[in-house]
Each structure stands twice: as C-alpha cells, then as structure tokens.
Amino acid sequence: MHLHEVFLEKVHQTVDLLEVFICLLIPVFLIKAVVDYFALGQLLWRDYAVLFVQSVGGFIVAFLLIDLVEVIHDFRSR
C-alpha cells in the first residue's frame, strides 16, 4: 500500500471516532446549558458554540497529527 492510501484509511477511522466524540459531546453541552440556565438564568449560546468548535477542532487536529505520525512510522518500519 502507498503512504496516502494508509493515511486515508487512518483518516476514515478518525472520522468514525469523531462521530462518537460528537455524540458524547452533545449531552455534555445540554447538561451544561441546563446548569447555566438554573444557575445564571440565561443560556450562553455564543460561548457554547465557541467551546464546541474548539473541542471538535482540537480533536481533529490531534488525531490528524497522531494519524500522520503513525502512518509515517508504519511506512518507515516496512
């Protein structure tokens, strides 16, 4: 297999993990919204959106770097 084929396979695995991450992240944000509503009397939609984008973006960047390092390591070890 070529380097880009192995990398694309790893990226597909990361996308599957991202789906699970988002499914687990949404209930956390809903609970945070309920707590904020009862504690502060308001919902902070913009803050939630920024935190969500940062969480998902950090996940993507971290796993792409991990995938890239793993693919290069596997490719060199052959």
Protein backbone atom coordinates (compact mmCIF):
# COMPACT_ATOMS: atom_id res chain seq x y z
CA MET A 1 0.00 0.00 0.00
CA HIS A 2 1.08 3.53 -0.67
CA LEU A 3 1.52 6.14 2.01
CA HIS A 4 -1.55 8.15 1.00
CA GLU A 5 -3.76 5.03 0.98
CA VAL A 6 -2.73 4.12 4.52
CA PHE A 7 -3.24 7.72 5.62
CA LEU A 8 -6.75 7.83 4.10
CA GLU A 9 -7.62 4.61 5.93
CA LYS A 10 -6.49 6.19 9.20
CA VAL A 11 -8.49 9.33 8.43
CA HIS A 12 -11.63 7.22 7.89
CA GLN A 13 -11.08 5.67 11.32
CA THR A 14 -10.69 9.16 12.79
CA VAL A 15 -13.97 10.27 11.21
CA ASP A 16 -15.70 7.34 12.87
CA LEU A 17 -14.16 8.35 16.20
CA LEU A 18 -15.26 11.94 15.59
CA GLU A 19 -18.85 10.81 15.19
CA VAL A 20 -18.68 9.05 18.55
CA PHE A 21 -16.98 12.08 20.12
CA ILE A 22 -19.72 14.42 18.92
CA CYS A 23 -22.45 12.05 20.08
CA LEU A 24 -20.88 12.05 23.54
CA LEU A 25 -20.21 15.79 23.49
CA ILE A 26 -23.78 16.88 22.75
CA PRO A 27 -25.27 15.56 26.03
CA VAL A 28 -22.46 17.27 27.94
CA PHE A 29 -23.38 20.59 26.34
CA LEU A 30 -27.07 20.04 27.04
CA ILE A 31 -26.32 19.39 30.72
CA LYS A 32 -24.09 22.47 30.80
CA ALA A 33 -26.89 24.54 29.28
CA VAL A 34 -29.40 23.33 31.88
CA VAL A 35 -26.97 24.07 34.73
CA ASP A 36 -26.21 27.53 33.32
CA TYR A 37 -29.90 28.25 32.89
CA PHE A 38 -30.68 27.40 36.50
CA ALA A 39 -27.51 28.98 37.94
CA LEU A 40 -27.32 32.13 35.81
CA GLY A 41 -30.85 32.41 34.48
CA GLN A 42 -29.63 32.57 30.89
CA LEU A 43 -28.13 30.48 28.14
CA LEU A 44 -24.77 31.46 26.69
CA TRP A 45 -25.21 30.27 23.11
CA ARG A 46 -22.19 32.01 21.66
CA ASP A 47 -19.92 30.61 24.37
CA TYR A 48 -21.33 27.13 23.79
CA ALA A 49 -20.72 27.41 20.05
CA VAL A 50 -17.14 28.62 20.51
CA LEU A 51 -16.39 25.84 23.01
CA PHE A 52 -17.96 23.23 20.73
CA VAL A 53 -15.95 24.37 17.70
CA GLN A 54 -12.75 24.43 19.76
CA SER A 55 -13.43 20.95 21.12
CA VAL A 56 -14.14 19.44 17.73
CA GLY A 57 -11.27 21.34 16.09
CA GLY A 58 -8.84 20.21 18.76
CA PHE A 59 -9.99 16.62 18.33
CA ILE A 60 -9.50 16.77 14.58
CA VAL A 61 -6.06 18.37 14.77
CA ALA A 62 -4.85 16.00 17.48
CA PHE A 63 -6.00 12.88 15.68
CA LEU A 64 -4.70 14.02 12.29
CA LEU A 65 -1.28 14.55 13.84
CA ILE A 66 -1.47 11.16 15.55
CA ASP A 67 -2.55 9.52 12.29
CA LEU A 68 0.23 11.21 10.34
CA VAL A 69 2.92 10.15 12.82
CA GLU A 70 1.55 6.60 12.97
CA VAL A 71 1.40 6.27 9.19
CA ILE A 72 4.95 7.58 8.76
CA HIS A 73 6.19 5.24 11.49
CA ASP A 74 4.43 2.23 9.95
CA PHE A 75 5.63 3.15 6.45
CA ARG A 76 9.26 3.51 7.59
CA SER A 77 9.23 0.29 9.58
CA ARG A 78 8.38 -1.76 6.49
